[in-house]
Amino acid sequence: MLSEKLLEILACPQCKGDLDYDKEENVLICPECRLKYQIKEDIPVMLIDEAEKF
């Protein structure tokens, strides 16, 4: 689970927009770019090349 402070400062690396946290899937979601960023071992993987489209 990510801390609230970390969630406040994280931004999408592609559009620099806000991210939503999906607790069930444990991913960060950018609704603007329609990308999901995985979280591995409590560390967000903020690489555009590794993001999943939805």
Foldseek 3Di string as FASTA:
>chain_A
DEDPVVQVPDAQPPPRHHWDADPVQRWTADPVQQWTWHADPNRTDRDPVPIDHD
